[in-house]
């Protein structure tokens, strides 16, 4: 069976790097393009990190398109304390030998959707700024995209920036609200399920000395979290979203209308409403064992 064309949008920090590695191992989808956005760290870092990761994995042939450097209406809020100032935990990868493509990320998103209309699959694991701008360029985008998987939100539990808001949505709630109301066939993967998927310290230690490129990537991007921050585990937020691209049955969905709050008081709050309106699915449960088996493709 022919693999479906996949576009992955990232703000490459630690879990984005692992998501890229997993996206390259999918059997039913072919990673054809990667777009970058400001989020975990500023755009210059997210773009350089993306190029470096792809080159490390021997896939510098996958084109990278640089996207938006700031949210639609708010100052950029970053997470350098989590991902390190460089975004990938201080892992010293060499300068990339390949440059970004001349087309901007929103333009590339529209072109990709047009070229693969009806078959294109999108995975967005950072703030949704690029997709919002692409929607402004091409309002018919939702009708061209077969599936959209978003890592973002906290629908049934607490956020990780505020009690209500998850990071990606908090960074650019205006973009998220625009995407949520656009009519995509969308699956939202929030903290409700990503906080159930993690790489623990014992599993990470088993990768020490791994000769596999993916194994070395996981080992090094997570080193700061385990050794300097003393974390017991690293959440696999973005890899779970990519895994759901490959196997939607990994998560149990609740279907409704996704509402994103943009007010200062409730910035980035996501909730699922029931009734008329555009329909989407928000993940409420995850099959952890099956996800872990799929994630291990990165280093086996």
Protein backbone atom coordinates (compact mmCIF):
# COMPACT_ATOMS: atom_id res chain seq x y z
CA UNK A 1 0.00 0.00 0.00
CA UNK A 2 1.29 3.46 -0.90
CA UNK A 3 2.41 5.49 2.08
CA UNK A 4 0.51 8.71 2.76
CA UNK A 5 2.39 12.02 2.44
CA UNK A 6 3.09 13.59 5.84
CA UNK A 7 4.00 17.17 6.73
CA UNK A 8 5.35 17.69 10.26
CA UNK A 9 5.41 21.11 11.92
CA UNK A 10 7.82 21.46 14.86
CA UNK A 11 9.35 23.90 17.33
CA UNK A 12 12.28 21.58 17.77
CA UNK A 13 13.05 21.02 21.37
CA UNK A 14 13.68 17.71 23.09
CA UNK A 15 10.44 15.85 22.35
CA UNK A 16 10.18 17.35 18.85
CA UNK A 17 13.56 15.83 18.01
CA UNK A 18 12.26 12.42 19.06
CA UNK A 19 9.05 13.04 17.09
CA UNK A 20 11.08 13.70 13.94
CA UNK A 21 12.98 10.46 14.49
CA UNK A 22 9.71 8.55 14.90
CA UNK A 23 8.13 10.20 11.85
CA UNK A 24 10.99 8.83 9.74
CA UNK A 25 10.17 5.29 10.93
CA UNK A 26 6.47 5.22 10.09
CA UNK A 27 5.36 2.45 7.78
CA UNK A 28 2.10 3.95 6.57
CA UNK A 29 3.26 7.54 6.14
CA UNK A 30 6.20 9.15 4.40
CA UNK A 31 7.68 12.31 5.89
CA UNK A 32 7.87 14.65 2.90
CA UNK A 33 8.30 18.07 4.54
CA UNK A 34 9.11 19.65 7.89
CA UNK A 35 8.12 23.19 8.84
CA UNK A 36 9.49 25.11 11.81
CA UNK A 37 7.95 27.64 14.17
CA UNK A 38 9.01 29.60 17.24
CA UNK A 39 7.92 27.98 20.48
CA UNK A 40 10.10 25.96 22.82
CA UNK A 41 12.95 28.25 21.80
CA UNK A 42 13.18 31.07 19.23
CA UNK A 43 12.85 30.31 15.53
CA UNK A 44 16.58 30.44 14.72
CA UNK A 45 17.15 27.58 17.18
CA UNK A 46 14.11 25.51 16.22
CA UNK A 47 15.09 25.69 12.56
CA UNK A 48 18.77 24.92 13.08
CA UNK A 49 17.87 22.06 15.43
CA UNK A 50 15.52 20.57 12.85
CA UNK A 51 18.18 20.64 10.16
CA UNK A 52 20.75 19.12 12.54
CA UNK A 53 18.44 16.34 13.68
CA UNK A 54 17.51 15.35 10.14
CA UNK A 55 21.17 15.36 9.13
CA UNK A 56 22.14 13.29 12.19
CA UNK A 57 19.52 10.71 11.20
CA UNK A 58 20.83 10.63 7.64
CA UNK A 59 17.75 12.32 6.19
CA UNK A 60 18.90 15.77 5.12
CA UNK A 61 16.96 15.08 1.93
CA UNK A 62 13.72 15.98 3.74
CA UNK A 63 13.10 19.67 2.99
CA UNK A 64 12.79 22.10 5.89
CA UNK A 65 10.80 25.34 5.65
CA UNK A 66 11.26 28.17 8.13
CA UNK A 67 8.05 29.59 9.57
CA UNK A 68 6.73 32.25 11.89
CA UNK A 69 9.06 33.81 14.44
CA UNK A 70 6.34 35.08 16.78
CA UNK A 71 2.71 34.36 17.67
CA UNK A 72 -0.07 36.15 15.81
CA UNK A 73 -0.74 38.75 18.48
CA UNK A 74 1.34 38.09 21.59
CA UNK A 75 5.02 38.23 22.58
CA UNK A 76 6.81 34.90 22.26
CA UNK A 77 6.79 32.76 25.41
CA UNK A 78 9.49 30.05 25.40
CA UNK A 79 10.49 27.01 27.46
CA UNK A 80 14.27 27.16 27.55
CA UNK A 81 14.28 26.08 31.19
CA UNK A 82 12.86 22.73 30.05
CA UNK A 83 14.64 22.20 26.74
CA UNK A 84 17.85 24.15 27.39
CA UNK A 85 18.63 27.48 25.78
CA UNK A 86 19.49 25.74 22.51
CA UNK A 87 16.33 23.60 22.59
CA UNK A 88 17.93 20.16 22.48
CA UNK A 89 19.39 19.94 25.96
CA UNK A 90 22.87 21.17 25.05
CA UNK A 91 23.56 18.31 22.62
CA UNK A 92 26.41 19.67 20.49
CA UNK A 93 25.52 18.61 16.97
CA UNK A 94 27.59 19.97 14.07
CA UNK A 95 26.35 22.80 11.90
CA UNK A 96 23.93 21.49 9.27
CA UNK A 97 25.26 21.07 5.75
CA UNK A 98 21.86 21.80 4.17
CA UNK A 99 20.02 25.11 4.16
CA UNK A 100 16.33 25.78 4.67
CA UNK A 101 14.13 26.01 1.60
CA UNK A 102 13.36 29.47 0.17
CA UNK A 103 9.60 29.07 0.57
CA UNK A 104 8.14 30.10 3.93
CA UNK A 105 6.45 27.48 6.08
CA UNK A 106 2.88 28.78 5.58
CA UNK A 107 3.43 28.84 1.82
CA UNK A 108 4.89 25.34 1.92
CA UNK A 109 1.90 24.09 3.93
CA UNK A 110 -0.52 25.41 1.32
CA UNK A 111 1.52 24.02 -1.57
CA UNK A 112 1.79 20.62 0.12
CA UNK A 113 -1.96 20.46 0.69
CA UNK A 114 -2.68 21.41 -2.91
CA UNK A 115 -0.20 18.90 -4.34
CA UNK A 116 -1.58 16.07 -2.18
CA UNK A 117 -5.21 17.18 -1.94
CA UNK A 118 -7.35 14.56 -0.25
CA UNK A 119 -4.33 12.52 0.87
CA UNK A 120 -2.18 15.00 2.79
CA UNK A 121 -1.68 14.28 6.49
CA UNK A 122 -0.53 17.03 8.84
CA UNK A 123 1.06 16.63 12.28
CA UNK A 124 1.55 19.87 14.24
CA UNK A 125 3.45 19.52 17.50
CA UNK A 126 4.28 23.15 18.30
CA UNK A 127 2.31 26.39 18.49
CA UNK A 128 -0.16 26.58 15.61
CA UNK A 129 1.02 29.89 14.16
CA UNK A 130 2.14 28.49 10.80
CA UNK A 131 -1.13 26.68 10.23
CA UNK A 132 -3.17 29.76 11.13
CA UNK A 133 -1.25 31.87 8.62
CA UNK A 134 -1.62 29.12 6.00
CA UNK A 135 -5.39 29.23 6.61
CA UNK A 136 -5.38 32.95 5.93
CA UNK A 137 -3.57 32.27 2.66
CA UNK A 138 -5.88 29.37 1.69
CA UNK A 139 -9.25 29.17 3.48
CA UNK A 140 -10.04 25.87 1.70
CA UNK A 141 -7.12 24.15 3.41
CA UNK A 142 -9.27 21.96 5.72
CA UNK A 143 -10.98 20.39 2.70
CA UNK A 144 -7.62 19.44 1.17
CA UNK A 145 -6.14 17.77 4.26
CA UNK A 146 -7.10 14.18 4.99
CA UNK A 147 -6.15 14.28 8.69
CA UNK A 148 -4.67 16.76 11.12
CA UNK A 149 -3.10 15.60 14.39
CA UNK A 150 -2.30 18.34 16.89
CA UNK A 151 -0.22 18.06 20.04
CA UNK A 152 -1.85 20.66 22.20
CA UNK A 153 -4.34 21.35 24.92
CA UNK A 154 -5.42 20.07 28.30
CA UNK A 155 -9.08 19.14 27.96
CA UNK A 156 -9.81 17.01 30.99
CA UNK A 157 -7.00 17.93 33.38
CA UNK A 158 -4.46 20.59 34.36
CA UNK A 159 -2.23 22.57 32.04
CA UNK A 160 1.55 22.82 32.31
CA UNK A 161 1.93 26.61 31.99
CA UNK A 162 -1.14 27.66 33.93
CA UNK A 163 -3.64 25.39 35.67
CA UNK A 164 -5.79 25.72 32.52
CA UNK A 165 -3.35 25.93 29.62
CA UNK A 166 -0.91 23.62 27.87
CA UNK A 167 2.26 25.21 26.47
CA UNK A 168 1.64 25.05 22.70
CA UNK A 169 -1.82 26.57 23.00
CA UNK A 170 -0.71 29.13 25.61
CA UNK A 171 2.03 30.41 23.29
CA UNK A 172 -0.41 31.29 20.51
CA UNK A 173 -4.04 30.93 21.57
CA UNK A 174 -5.23 33.14 18.71
CA UNK A 175 -3.73 30.77 16.15
CA UNK A 176 -5.14 27.74 17.98
CA UNK A 177 -8.62 29.29 18.08
CA UNK A 178 -8.48 29.94 14.33
CA UNK A 179 -7.39 26.36 13.60
CA UNK A 180 -10.01 24.90 15.95
CA UNK A 181 -12.84 26.70 14.16
CA UNK A 182 -11.59 26.01 10.60
CA UNK A 183 -13.23 22.62 10.07
CA UNK A 184 -10.25 20.26 9.88
CA UNK A 185 -10.66 16.53 10.46
CA UNK A 186 -8.61 17.04 13.60
CA UNK A 187 -7.38 14.92 16.48
CA UNK A 188 -6.11 16.85 19.49
CA UNK A 189 -3.51 15.09 21.64
CA UNK A 190 -3.38 16.92 24.94
CA UNK A 191 -1.65 16.57 28.28
CA UNK A 192 -4.52 14.31 29.32
CA UNK A 193 -2.79 11.49 27.43
CA UNK A 194 0.80 12.70 26.88
CA UNK A 195 1.36 12.77 30.64
CA UNK A 196 0.70 9.02 30.56
CA UNK A 197 3.52 8.43 28.06
CA UNK A 198 7.06 8.91 29.26
CA UNK A 199 10.60 7.63 28.91
CA UNK A 200 11.72 6.64 32.40
CA UNK A 201 15.26 6.82 33.74
CA UNK A 202 15.86 3.07 33.52
CA UNK A 203 14.85 2.93 29.85
CA UNK A 204 17.02 5.95 29.12
CA UNK A 205 20.03 4.41 30.84
CA UNK A 206 19.66 1.32 28.67
CA UNK A 207 20.46 3.52 25.65
CA UNK A 208 23.93 4.39 26.97
CA UNK A 209 26.41 3.18 24.42
CA UNK A 210 23.72 2.62 21.79
CA UNK A 211 25.26 2.50 18.33
CA UNK A 212 21.92 3.29 16.72
CA UNK A 213 21.49 6.87 15.48
CA UNK A 214 17.97 7.11 16.88
CA UNK A 215 19.05 5.62 20.18
CA UNK A 216 21.90 8.11 20.46
CA UNK A 217 19.49 10.95 19.69
CA UNK A 218 17.08 9.92 22.47
CA UNK A 219 19.99 9.42 24.88
CA UNK A 220 21.54 12.83 24.23
CA UNK A 221 18.48 15.08 23.97
CA UNK A 222 17.18 13.65 27.26
CA UNK A 223 20.52 13.79 29.11
CA UNK A 224 19.97 17.27 30.52
CA UNK A 225 16.54 16.35 31.89
CA UNK A 226 17.82 13.28 33.72
CA UNK A 227 21.29 14.43 34.80
CA UNK A 228 21.01 18.18 35.35
CA UNK A 229 17.32 18.61 36.14
CA UNK A 230 17.02 15.34 38.04
CA UNK A 231 13.80 14.37 36.31
CA UNK A 232 12.49 10.82 36.89
CA UNK A 233 11.01 10.73 33.38
CA UNK A 234 10.69 12.67 30.13
CA UNK A 235 7.20 13.04 28.73
CA UNK A 236 6.81 11.95 25.11
CA UNK A 237 4.28 14.62 24.13
CA UNK A 238 5.20 15.05 20.47
CA UNK A 239 6.13 11.43 19.71
CA UNK A 240 2.65 10.39 20.86
CA UNK A 241 1.06 12.75 18.32
CA UNK A 242 3.22 11.26 15.56
CA UNK A 243 2.34 7.76 16.72
CA UNK A 244 -1.36 8.62 16.46
CA UNK A 245 -0.75 9.67 12.85
CA UNK A 246 0.33 6.10 12.20
CA UNK A 247 -2.22 4.38 14.44
CA UNK A 248 -5.31 6.41 15.45
CA UNK A 249 -6.53 3.53 17.63
CA UNK A 250 -3.77 4.23 20.16
CA UNK A 251 -6.04 6.81 21.76
CA UNK A 252 -9.67 6.92 22.79
CA UNK A 253 -11.37 10.07 21.54
CA UNK A 254 -14.17 12.19 22.84
CA UNK A 255 -15.86 14.01 19.98
CA UNK A 256 -17.13 17.57 20.13
CA UNK A 257 -16.26 21.14 19.26
CA UNK A 258 -12.83 22.33 20.42
CA UNK A 259 -12.99 25.76 22.03
CA UNK A 260 -9.79 27.75 22.67
CA UNK A 261 -9.91 30.72 25.03
CA UNK A 262 -7.96 33.81 23.96
CA UNK A 263 -8.81 36.16 26.82
CA UNK A 264 -6.06 37.28 29.17
CA UNK A 265 -7.83 35.68 32.12
CA UNK A 266 -8.11 32.20 30.56
CA UNK A 267 -5.35 32.38 27.94
CA UNK A 268 -4.90 29.06 26.18
CA UNK A 269 -7.64 27.14 27.98
CA UNK A 270 -9.04 24.34 25.81
CA UNK A 271 -12.35 22.61 26.29
CA UNK A 272 -14.63 20.31 24.39
CA UNK A 273 -18.19 21.48 23.79
CA UNK A 274 -21.04 19.28 22.70
CA UNK A 275 -23.74 20.33 20.27
CA UNK A 276 -23.74 21.89 16.82
CA UNK A 277 -20.55 23.09 15.17
CA UNK A 278 -17.40 21.68 13.72
CA UNK A 279 -16.47 18.28 15.07
CA UNK A 280 -13.10 17.15 16.35
CA UNK A 281 -11.68 14.53 18.64
CA UNK A 282 -9.74 15.13 21.86
CA UNK A 283 -7.81 12.17 23.24
CA UNK A 284 -9.04 11.04 26.64
CA UNK A 285 -7.14 7.75 27.06
CA UNK A 286 -4.09 6.06 25.54
CA UNK A 287 -2.88 2.49 25.13
CA UNK A 288 0.50 2.97 26.77
CA UNK A 289 1.96 -0.44 25.94
CA UNK A 290 1.15 -0.23 22.25
CA UNK A 291 2.50 3.31 22.07
CA UNK A 292 5.75 2.30 23.76
CA UNK A 293 6.17 -0.53 21.26
CA UNK A 294 5.69 1.89 18.36
CA UNK A 295 8.05 4.48 19.89
CA UNK A 296 10.81 1.90 20.14
CA UNK A 297 11.06 1.98 16.36
CA UNK A 298 13.19 5.09 16.93
CA UNK A 299 16.08 3.03 18.34
CA UNK A 300 15.54 -0.58 17.28
